[in-house]
Amino acid sequence: YMSLVEMKSLFRMQDIVSCATQPITMLETSARDGTGLA
């Protein structure tokens, strides 16, 4: 897996968030083991 930092960079999330009209939150998860579910 690519880390949150890597994914944010590849997606250019800083640019997306600054241009978006909606509030955007980002999390890392694993549907398999439940990490991030809470």
PDB file of all heavy atoms in Angstrom:
ATOM      1  N   TYR A   1       0.828  -1.215   0.000  1.00  0.00           N
ATOM      2  CA  TYR A   1       0.000   0.000   0.000  1.00  0.00           C
ATOM      3  C   TYR A   1       0.856   1.256   0.000  1.00  0.00           C
ATOM      4  O   TYR A   1       1.999   1.263   0.453  1.00  0.00           O
ATOM      5  CB  TYR A   1      -0.958   0.002   1.196  1.00  0.00           C
ATOM      6  CG  TYR A   1      -0.412   0.637   2.452  1.00  0.00           C
ATOM      7  CD1 TYR A   1      -0.687   1.974   2.744  1.00  0.00           C
ATOM      8  CD2 TYR A   1       0.365  -0.069   3.349  1.00  0.00           C
ATOM      9  CE1 TYR A   1      -0.197   2.576   3.891  1.00  0.00           C
ATOM     10  CE2 TYR A   1       0.859   0.519   4.496  1.00  0.00           C
ATOM     11  CZ  TYR A   1       0.580   1.839   4.756  1.00  0.00           C
ATOM     12  OH  TYR A   1       1.075   2.437   5.888  1.00  0.00           O
ATOM     13  N   MET A   2       0.268   2.331  -0.543  1.00  0.00           N
ATOM     14  CA  MET A   2       0.927   3.632  -0.532  1.00  0.00           C
ATOM     15  C   MET A   2       0.420   4.397   0.695  1.00  0.00           C
ATOM     16  O   MET A   2      -0.771   4.390   0.982  1.00  0.00           O
ATOM     17  CB  MET A   2       0.614   4.395  -1.815  1.00  0.00           C
ATOM     18  CG  MET A   2       1.255   3.765  -3.040  1.00  0.00           C
ATOM     19  SD  MET A   2       0.755   4.561  -4.573  1.00  0.00           S
ATOM     20  CE  MET A   2      -0.857   3.828  -4.809  1.00  0.00           C
ATOM     21  N   SER A   3       1.295   5.067   1.381  1.00  0.00           N
ATOM     22  CA  SER A   3       0.942   5.782   2.605  1.00  0.00           C
ATOM     23  C   SER A   3       0.028   6.967   2.295  1.00  0.00           C
ATOM     24  O   SER A   3      -0.095   7.398   1.151  1.00  0.00           O
ATOM     25  CB  SER A   3       2.203   6.283   3.303  1.00  0.00           C
ATOM     26  OG  SER A   3       2.765   7.345   2.550  1.00  0.00           O
ATOM     27  N   LEU A   4      -0.580   7.496   3.341  1.00  0.00           N
ATOM     28  CA  LEU A   4      -1.447   8.663   3.200  1.00  0.00           C
ATOM     29  C   LEU A   4      -0.679   9.828   2.571  1.00  0.00           C
ATOM     30  O   LEU A   4      -1.189  10.517   1.695  1.00  0.00           O
ATOM     31  CB  LEU A   4      -2.034   9.064   4.560  1.00  0.00           C
ATOM     32  CG  LEU A   4      -3.049  10.200   4.566  1.00  0.00           C
ATOM     33  CD1 LEU A   4      -4.247   9.883   3.689  1.00  0.00           C
ATOM     34  CD2 LEU A   4      -3.497  10.500   5.987  1.00  0.00           C
ATOM     35  N   VAL A   5       0.555  10.015   2.980  1.00  0.00           N
ATOM     36  CA  VAL A   5       1.385  11.097   2.421  1.00  0.00           C
ATOM     37  C   VAL A   5       1.591  10.873   0.919  1.00  0.00           C
ATOM     38  O   VAL A   5       1.447  11.804   0.122  1.00  0.00           O
ATOM     39  CB  VAL A   5       2.744  11.185   3.165  1.00  0.00           C
ATOM     40  CG1 VAL A   5       3.705  12.122   2.447  1.00  0.00           C
ATOM     41  CG2 VAL A   5       2.533  11.627   4.603  1.00  0.00           C
ATOM     42  N   GLU A   6       1.898   9.634   0.528  1.00  0.00           N
ATOM     43  CA  GLU A   6       2.089   9.331  -0.893  1.00  0.00           C
ATOM     44  C   GLU A   6       0.799   9.534  -1.681  1.00  0.00           C
ATOM     45  O   GLU A   6       0.809  10.114  -2.773  1.00  0.00           O
ATOM     46  CB  GLU A   6       2.567   7.883  -1.073  1.00  0.00           C
ATOM     47  CG  GLU A   6       3.970   7.637  -0.569  1.00  0.00           C
ATOM     48  CD  GLU A   6       4.326   6.169  -0.543  1.00  0.00           C
ATOM     49  OE1 GLU A   6       3.587   5.370   0.076  1.00  0.00           O
ATOM     50  OE2 GLU A   6       5.360   5.812  -1.163  1.00  0.00           O
ATOM     51  N   MET A   7      -0.315   9.058  -1.137  1.00  0.00           N
ATOM     52  CA  MET A   7      -1.596   9.183  -1.828  1.00  0.00           C
ATOM     53  C   MET A   7      -2.009  10.645  -1.967  1.00  0.00           C
ATOM     54  O   MET A   7      -2.466  11.071  -3.026  1.00  0.00           O
ATOM     55  CB  MET A   7      -2.685   8.381  -1.110  1.00  0.00           C
ATOM     56  CG  MET A   7      -2.474   6.873  -1.173  1.00  0.00           C
ATOM     57  SD  MET A   7      -2.412   6.196  -2.851  1.00  0.00           S
ATOM     58  CE  MET A   7      -4.108   6.319  -3.326  1.00  0.00           C
ATOM     59  N   LYS A   8      -1.831  11.414  -0.906  1.00  0.00           N
ATOM     60  CA  LYS A   8      -2.157  12.846  -0.979  1.00  0.00           C
ATOM     61  C   LYS A   8      -1.332  13.524  -2.069  1.00  0.00           C
ATOM     62  O   LYS A   8      -1.835  14.374  -2.795  1.00  0.00           O
ATOM     63  CB  LYS A   8      -1.899  13.527   0.369  1.00  0.00           C
ATOM     64  CG  LYS A   8      -2.938  13.278   1.408  1.00  0.00           C
ATOM     65  CD  LYS A   8      -2.530  14.011   2.690  1.00  0.00           C
ATOM     66  CE  LYS A   8      -3.612  14.045   3.703  1.00  0.00           C
ATOM     67  NZ  LYS A   8      -3.209  14.799   4.910  1.00  0.00           N
ATOM     68  N   SER A   9      -0.068  13.144  -2.166  1.00  0.00           N
ATOM     69  CA  SER A   9       0.802  13.738  -3.169  1.00  0.00           C
ATOM     70  C   SER A   9       0.374  13.322  -4.582  1.00  0.00           C
ATOM     71  O   SER A   9       0.253  14.169  -5.472  1.00  0.00           O
ATOM     72  CB  SER A   9       2.253  13.314  -2.906  1.00  0.00           C
ATOM     73  OG  SER A   9       3.090  13.791  -3.924  1.00  0.00           O
ATOM     74  N   LEU A  10       0.136  12.037  -4.793  1.00  0.00           N
ATOM     75  CA  LEU A  10      -0.262  11.554  -6.115  1.00  0.00           C
ATOM     76  C   LEU A  10      -1.592  12.150  -6.569  1.00  0.00           C
ATOM     77  O   LEU A  10      -1.783  12.447  -7.741  1.00  0.00           O
ATOM     78  CB  LEU A  10      -0.356  10.025  -6.116  1.00  0.00           C
ATOM     79  CG  LEU A  10       0.971   9.292  -6.087  1.00  0.00           C
ATOM     80  CD1 LEU A  10       0.755   7.797  -5.854  1.00  0.00           C
ATOM     81  CD2 LEU A  10       1.745   9.514  -7.376  1.00  0.00           C
ATOM     82  N   PHE A  11      -2.521  12.332  -5.634  1.00  0.00           N
ATOM     83  CA  PHE A  11      -3.828  12.898  -5.953  1.00  0.00           C
ATOM     84  C   PHE A  11      -3.806  14.426  -6.003  1.00  0.00           C
ATOM     85  O   PHE A  11      -4.770  15.034  -6.417  1.00  0.00           O
ATOM     86  CB  PHE A  11      -4.871  12.469  -4.902  1.00  0.00           C
ATOM     87  CG  PHE A  11      -5.598  11.218  -5.232  1.00  0.00           C
ATOM     88  CD1 PHE A  11      -4.979   9.996  -5.148  1.00  0.00           C
ATOM     89  CD2 PHE A  11      -6.928  11.256  -5.630  1.00  0.00           C
ATOM     90  CE1 PHE A  11      -5.654   8.820  -5.451  1.00  0.00           C
ATOM     91  CE2 PHE A  11      -7.614  10.099  -5.933  1.00  0.00           C
ATOM     92  CZ  PHE A  11      -6.974   8.875  -5.850  1.00  0.00           C
ATOM     93  N   ARG A  12      -2.687  15.005  -5.531  1.00  0.00           N
ATOM     94  CA  ARG A  12      -2.590  16.468  -5.381  1.00  0.00           C
ATOM     95  C   ARG A  12      -3.761  16.969  -4.527  1.00  0.00           C
ATOM     96  O   ARG A  12      -4.472  17.909  -4.882  1.00  0.00           O
ATOM     97  CB  ARG A  12      -2.539  17.149  -6.744  1.00  0.00           C
ATOM     98  CG  ARG A  12      -1.303  16.741  -7.538  1.00  0.00           C
ATOM     99  CD  ARG A  12      -1.145  17.516  -8.778  1.00  0.00           C
ATOM    100  NE  ARG A  12      -1.156  18.945  -8.473  1.00  0.00           N
ATOM    101  CZ  ARG A  12      -0.415  19.846  -9.081  1.00  0.00           C
ATOM    102  NH1 ARG A  12       0.400  19.475 -10.012  1.00  0.00           N
ATOM    103  NH2 ARG A  12      -0.511  21.119  -8.761  1.00  0.00           N
ATOM    104  N   MET A  13      -3.942  16.277  -3.408  1.00  0.00           N
ATOM    105  CA  MET A  13      -5.093  16.557  -2.541  1.00  0.00           C
ATOM    106  C   MET A  13      -5.101  17.987  -2.017  1.00  0.00           C
ATOM    107  O   MET A  13      -6.166  18.558  -1.834  1.00  0.00           O
ATOM    108  CB  MET A  13      -5.154  15.558  -1.378  1.00  0.00           C
ATOM    109  CG  MET A  13      -5.607  14.163  -1.773  1.00  0.00           C
ATOM    110  SD  MET A  13      -7.199  14.063  -2.630  1.00  0.00           S
ATOM    111  CE  MET A  13      -8.331  14.632  -1.382  1.00  0.00           C
ATOM    112  N   GLN A  14      -3.945  18.584  -1.793  1.00  0.00           N
ATOM    113  CA  GLN A  14      -3.916  19.970  -1.319  1.00  0.00           C
ATOM    114  C   GLN A  14      -4.594  20.884  -2.334  1.00  0.00           C
ATOM    115  O   GLN A  14      -5.387  21.756  -1.972  1.00  0.00           O
ATOM    116  CB  GLN A  14      -2.478  20.414  -1.056  1.00  0.00           C
ATOM    117  CG  GLN A  14      -2.389  21.777  -0.413  1.00  0.00           C
ATOM    118  CD  GLN A  14      -0.965  22.116  -0.009  1.00  0.00           C
ATOM    119  OE1 GLN A  14      -0.064  21.284  -0.041  1.00  0.00           O
ATOM    120  NE2 GLN A  14      -0.763  23.369   0.369  1.00  0.00           N
ATOM    121  N   ASP A  15      -4.312  20.673  -3.614  1.00  0.00           N
ATOM    122  CA  ASP A  15      -4.953  21.475  -4.669  1.00  0.00           C
ATOM    123  C   ASP A  15      -6.449  21.169  -4.752  1.00  0.00           C
ATOM    124  O   ASP A  15      -7.264  22.080  -4.912  1.00  0.00           O
ATOM    125  CB  ASP A  15      -4.301  21.202  -6.028  1.00  0.00           C
ATOM    126  CG  ASP A  15      -2.861  21.682  -6.093  1.00  0.00           C
ATOM    127  OD1 ASP A  15      -2.500  22.598  -5.331  1.00  0.00           O
ATOM    128  OD2 ASP A  15      -2.097  21.130  -6.909  1.00  0.00           O
ATOM    129  N   ILE A  16      -6.802  19.890  -4.659  1.00  0.00           N
ATOM    130  CA  ILE A  16      -8.219  19.501  -4.728  1.00  0.00           C
ATOM    131  C   ILE A  16      -9.001  20.128  -3.586  1.00  0.00           C
ATOM    132  O   ILE A  16     -10.062  20.719  -3.785  1.00  0.00           O
ATOM    133  CB  ILE A  16      -8.360  17.964  -4.737  1.00  0.00           C
ATOM    134  CG1 ILE A  16      -7.845  17.408  -6.065  1.00  0.00           C
ATOM    135  CG2 ILE A  16      -9.806  17.543  -4.486  1.00  0.00           C
ATOM    136  CD1 ILE A  16      -7.781  15.889  -6.130  1.00  0.00           C
ATOM    137  N   VAL A  17      -8.476  20.023  -2.380  1.00  0.00           N
ATOM    138  CA  VAL A  17      -9.157  20.572  -1.201  1.00  0.00           C
ATOM    139  C   VAL A  17      -9.303  22.088  -1.318  1.00  0.00           C
ATOM    140  O   VAL A  17     -10.352  22.650  -0.994  1.00  0.00           O
ATOM    141  CB  VAL A  17      -8.418  20.181   0.098  1.00  0.00           C
ATOM    142  CG1 VAL A  17      -8.937  20.953   1.292  1.00  0.00           C
ATOM    143  CG2 VAL A  17      -8.546  18.676   0.341  1.00  0.00           C
ATOM    144  N   SER A  18      -8.279  22.764  -1.814  1.00  0.00           N
ATOM    145  CA  SER A  18      -8.344  24.229  -1.891  1.00  0.00           C
ATOM    146  C   SER A  18      -9.334  24.711  -2.952  1.00  0.00           C
ATOM    147  O   SER A  18      -9.860  25.813  -2.845  1.00  0.00           O
ATOM    148  CB  SER A  18      -6.957  24.822  -2.144  1.00  0.00           C
ATOM    149  OG  SER A  18      -6.498  24.477  -3.427  1.00  0.00           O
ATOM    150  N   CYS A  19      -9.613  23.888  -3.956  1.00  0.00           N
ATOM    151  CA  CYS A  19     -10.547  24.278  -5.024  1.00  0.00           C
ATOM    152  C   CYS A  19     -11.968  23.752  -4.807  1.00  0.00           C
ATOM    153  O   CYS A  19     -12.900  24.243  -5.447  1.00  0.00           O
ATOM    154  CB  CYS A  19     -10.043  23.777  -6.376  1.00  0.00           C
ATOM    155  SG  CYS A  19      -8.506  24.546  -6.890  1.00  0.00           S
ATOM    156  N   ALA A  20     -12.119  22.765  -3.964  1.00  0.00           N
ATOM    157  CA  ALA A  20     -13.431  22.136  -3.779  1.00  0.00           C
ATOM    158  C   ALA A  20     -14.384  23.045  -2.996  1.00  0.00           C
ATOM    159  O   ALA A  20     -13.950  23.832  -2.155  1.00  0.00           O
ATOM    160  CB  ALA A  20     -13.270  20.809  -3.044  1.00  0.00           C
ATOM    161  N   THR A  21     -15.666  22.925  -3.290  1.00  0.00           N
ATOM    162  CA  THR A  21     -16.679  23.684  -2.562  1.00  0.00           C
ATOM    163  C   THR A  21     -17.132  22.942  -1.309  1.00  0.00           C
ATOM    164  O   THR A  21     -17.686  23.552  -0.404  1.00  0.00           O
ATOM    165  CB  THR A  21     -17.907  23.947  -3.451  1.00  0.00           C
ATOM    166  OG1 THR A  21     -18.444  22.696  -3.888  1.00  0.00           O
ATOM    167  CG2 THR A  21     -17.542  24.795  -4.655  1.00  0.00           C
ATOM    168  N   GLN A  22     -16.902  21.644  -1.274  1.00  0.00           N
ATOM    169  CA  GLN A  22     -17.329  20.844  -0.134  1.00  0.00           C
ATOM    170  C   GLN A  22     -16.162  20.595   0.830  1.00  0.00           C
ATOM    171  O   GLN A  22     -15.007  20.631   0.425  1.00  0.00           O
ATOM    172  CB  GLN A  22     -17.975  19.537  -0.529  1.00  0.00           C
ATOM    173  CG  GLN A  22     -17.593  18.666  -1.655  1.00  0.00           C
ATOM    174  CD  GLN A  22     -17.494  19.133  -3.045  1.00  0.00           C
ATOM    175  OE1 GLN A  22     -16.613  19.918  -3.345  1.00  0.00           O
ATOM    176  NE2 GLN A  22     -18.305  18.614  -3.933  1.00  0.00           N
ATOM    177  N   PRO A  23     -16.504  20.347   2.100  1.00  0.00           N
ATOM    178  CA  PRO A  23     -15.446  19.973   3.044  1.00  0.00           C
ATOM    179  C   PRO A  23     -14.960  18.554   2.725  1.00  0.00           C
ATOM    180  O   PRO A  23     -15.775  17.663   2.459  1.00  0.00           O
ATOM    181  CB  PRO A  23     -16.133  20.029   4.407  1.00  0.00           C
ATOM    182  CG  PRO A  23     -17.595  19.910   4.127  1.00  0.00           C
ATOM    183  CD  PRO A  23     -17.817  20.440   2.743  1.00  0.00           C
ATOM    184  N   ILE A  24     -13.645  18.368   2.727  1.00  0.00           N
ATOM    185  CA  ILE A  24     -13.060  17.065   2.398  1.00  0.00           C
ATOM    186  C   ILE A  24     -12.171  16.621   3.553  1.00  0.00           C
ATOM    187  O   ILE A  24     -11.315  17.367   4.019  1.00  0.00           O
ATOM    188  CB  ILE A  24     -12.233  17.129   1.100  1.00  0.00           C
ATOM    189  CG1 ILE A  24     -13.114  17.544  -0.077  1.00  0.00           C
ATOM    190  CG2 ILE A  24     -11.554  15.788   0.825  1.00  0.00           C
ATOM    191  CD1 ILE A  24     -12.355  17.767  -1.367  1.00  0.00           C
ATOM    192  N   THR A  25     -12.375  15.376   3.976  1.00  0.00           N
ATOM    193  CA  THR A  25     -11.564  14.744   5.008  1.00  0.00           C
ATOM    194  C   THR A  25     -10.930  13.509   4.386  1.00  0.00           C
ATOM    195  O   THR A  25     -11.530  12.890   3.516  1.00  0.00           O
ATOM    196  CB  THR A  25     -12.441  14.333   6.216  1.00  0.00           C
ATOM    197  OG1 THR A  25     -13.119  15.489   6.699  1.00  0.00           O
ATOM    198  CG2 THR A  25     -11.625  13.721   7.335  1.00  0.00           C
ATOM    199  N   MET A  26      -9.737  13.151   4.826  1.00  0.00           N
ATOM    200  CA  MET A  26      -9.047  11.967   4.304  1.00  0.00           C
ATOM    201  C   MET A  26      -8.635  11.069   5.459  1.00  0.00           C
ATOM    202  O   MET A  26      -8.173  11.556   6.486  1.00  0.00           O
ATOM    203  CB  MET A  26      -7.804  12.374   3.520  1.00  0.00           C
ATOM    204  CG  MET A  26      -8.102  13.070   2.220  1.00  0.00           C
ATOM    205  SD  MET A  26      -6.720  14.071   1.656  1.00  0.00           S
ATOM    206  CE  MET A  26      -7.031  15.593   2.527  1.00  0.00           C
ATOM    207  N   LEU A  27      -8.806   9.762   5.254  1.00  0.00           N
ATOM    208  CA  LEU A  27      -8.397   8.771   6.243  1.00  0.00           C
ATOM    209  C   LEU A  27      -7.800   7.556   5.554  1.00  0.00           C
ATOM    210  O   LEU A  27      -8.162   7.249   4.416  1.00  0.00           O
ATOM    211  CB  LEU A  27      -9.602   8.295   7.069  1.00  0.00           C
ATOM    212  CG  LEU A  27     -10.257   9.267   8.033  1.00  0.00           C
ATOM    213  CD1 LEU A  27     -11.517   8.642   8.614  1.00  0.00           C
ATOM    214  CD2 LEU A  27      -9.287   9.645   9.144  1.00  0.00           C
ATOM    215  N   GLU A  28      -6.939   6.857   6.273  1.00  0.00           N
ATOM    216  CA  GLU A  28      -6.441   5.560   5.822  1.00  0.00           C
ATOM    217  C   GLU A  28      -7.299   4.503   6.494  1.00  0.00           C
ATOM    218  O   GLU A  28      -7.635   4.621   7.675  1.00  0.00           O
ATOM    219  CB  GLU A  28      -4.991   5.345   6.252  1.00  0.00           C
ATOM    220  CG  GLU A  28      -3.989   6.178   5.505  1.00  0.00           C
ATOM    221  CD  GLU A  28      -2.577   5.892   5.972  1.00  0.00           C
ATOM    222  OE1 GLU A  28      -2.313   5.958   7.179  1.00  0.00           O
ATOM    223  OE2 GLU A  28      -1.739   5.595   5.106  1.00  0.00           O
ATOM    224  N   THR A  29      -7.638   3.443   5.744  1.00  0.00           N
ATOM    225  CA  THR A  29      -8.474   2.385   6.299  1.00  0.00           C
ATOM    226  C   THR A  29      -8.045   1.019   5.786  1.00  0.00           C
ATOM    227  O   THR A  29      -7.332   0.905   4.788  1.00  0.00           O
ATOM    228  CB  THR A  29      -9.959   2.566   5.908  1.00  0.00           C
ATOM    229  OG1 THR A  29     -10.067   2.531   4.485  1.00  0.00           O
ATOM    230  CG2 THR A  29     -10.539   3.853   6.446  1.00  0.00           C
ATOM    231  N   SER A  30      -8.526   0.014   6.488  1.00  0.00           N
ATOM    232  CA  SER A  30      -8.451  -1.367   6.011  1.00  0.00           C
ATOM    233  C   SER A  30      -9.813  -1.987   6.265  1.00  0.00           C
ATOM    234  O   SER A  30     -10.183  -2.222   7.417  1.00  0.00           O
ATOM    235  CB  SER A  30      -7.370  -2.166   6.745  1.00  0.00           C
ATOM    236  OG  SER A  30      -7.533  -3.543   6.448  1.00  0.00           O
ATOM    237  N   ALA A  31     -10.557  -2.219   5.205  1.00  0.00           N
ATOM    238  CA  ALA A  31     -11.857  -2.869   5.352  1.00  0.00           C
ATOM    239  C   ALA A  31     -11.682  -4.291   5.870  1.00  0.00           C
ATOM    240  O   ALA A  31     -12.555  -4.820   6.541  1.00  0.00           O
ATOM    241  CB  ALA A  31     -12.600  -2.877   4.019  1.00  0.00           C
ATOM    242  N   ARG A  32     -10.547  -4.889   5.585  1.00  0.00           N
ATOM    243  CA  ARG A  32     -10.295  -6.271   5.996  1.00  0.00           C
ATOM    244  C   ARG A  32     -10.078  -6.389   7.501  1.00  0.00           C
ATOM    245  O   ARG A  32     -10.681  -7.232   8.150  1.00  0.00           O
ATOM    246  CB  ARG A  32      -9.097  -6.843   5.260  1.00  0.00           C
ATOM    247  CG  ARG A  32      -8.754  -8.258   5.724  1.00  0.00           C
ATOM    248  CD  ARG A  32      -7.595  -8.855   4.981  1.00  0.00           C
ATOM    249  NE  ARG A  32      -8.077  -9.184   3.647  1.00  0.00           N
ATOM    250  CZ  ARG A  32      -7.285  -9.360   2.603  1.00  0.00           C
ATOM    251  NH1 ARG A  32      -5.996  -9.231   2.719  1.00  0.00           N
ATOM    252  NH2 ARG A  32      -7.791  -9.660   1.420  1.00  0.00           N
ATOM    253  N   ASP A  33      -9.211  -5.545   8.080  1.00  0.00           N
ATOM    254  CA  ASP A  33      -8.918  -5.705   9.510  1.00  0.00           C
ATOM    255  C   ASP A  33      -9.563  -4.636  10.396  1.00  0.00           C
ATOM    256  O   ASP A  33      -9.417  -4.668  11.604  1.00  0.00           O
ATOM    257  CB  ASP A  33      -7.407  -5.781   9.761  1.00  0.00           C
ATOM    258  CG  ASP A  33      -6.664  -4.482   9.514  1.00  0.00           C
ATOM    259  OD1 ASP A  33      -7.295  -3.408   9.448  1.00  0.00           O
ATOM    260  OD2 ASP A  33      -5.417  -4.531   9.400  1.00  0.00           O
ATOM    261  N   GLY A  34     -10.298  -3.700   9.802  1.00  0.00           N
ATOM    262  CA  GLY A  34     -11.045  -2.719  10.583  1.00  0.00           C
ATOM    263  C   GLY A  34     -10.276  -1.457  10.946  1.00  0.00           C
ATOM    264  O   GLY A  34     -10.833  -0.561  11.579  1.00  0.00           O
ATOM    265  N   THR A  35      -9.026  -1.347  10.538  1.00  0.00           N
ATOM    266  CA  THR A  35      -8.250  -0.143  10.833  1.00  0.00           C
ATOM    267  C   THR A  35      -8.957   1.077  10.246  1.00  0.00           C
ATOM    268  O   THR A  35      -9.336   1.080   9.085  1.00  0.00           O
ATOM    269  CB  THR A  35      -6.831  -0.250  10.235  1.00  0.00           C
ATOM    270  OG1 THR A  35      -6.183  -1.396  10.762  1.00  0.00           O
ATOM    271  CG2 THR A  35      -6.012   0.999  10.530  1.00  0.00           C
ATOM    272  N   GLY A  36      -9.156   2.086  11.070  1.00  0.00           N
ATOM    273  CA  GLY A  36      -9.785   3.320  10.621  1.00  0.00           C
ATOM    274  C   GLY A  36     -11.308   3.313  10.687  1.00  0.00           C
ATOM    275  O   GLY A  36     -11.935   4.357  10.502  1.00  0.00           O
ATOM    276  N   LEU A  37     -11.914   2.158  10.956  1.00  0.00           N
ATOM    277  CA  LEU A  37     -13.375   2.073  10.975  1.00  0.00           C
ATOM    278  C   LEU A  37     -13.990   2.980  12.036  1.00  0.00           C
ATOM    279  O   LEU A  37     -14.988   3.659  11.774  1.00  0.00           O
ATOM    280  CB  LEU A  37     -13.831   0.629  11.183  1.00  0.00           C
ATOM    281  CG  LEU A  37     -15.342   0.413  11.224  1.00  0.00           C
ATOM    282  CD1 LEU A  37     -15.999   0.861   9.934  1.00  0.00           C
ATOM    283  CD2 LEU A  37     -15.655  -1.049  11.518  1.00  0.00           C
ATOM    284  N   ALA A  38     -13.401   3.023  13.213  1.00  0.00           N
ATOM    285  CA  ALA A  38     -13.937   3.883  14.281  1.00  0.00           C
ATOM    286  C   ALA A  38     -13.934   5.344  13.841  1.00  0.00           C
ATOM    287  O   ALA A  38     -14.897   6.082  14.099  1.00  0.00           O
ATOM    288  CB  ALA A  38     -13.122   3.709  15.565  1.00  0.00           C
TER     289      ALA A  38
END
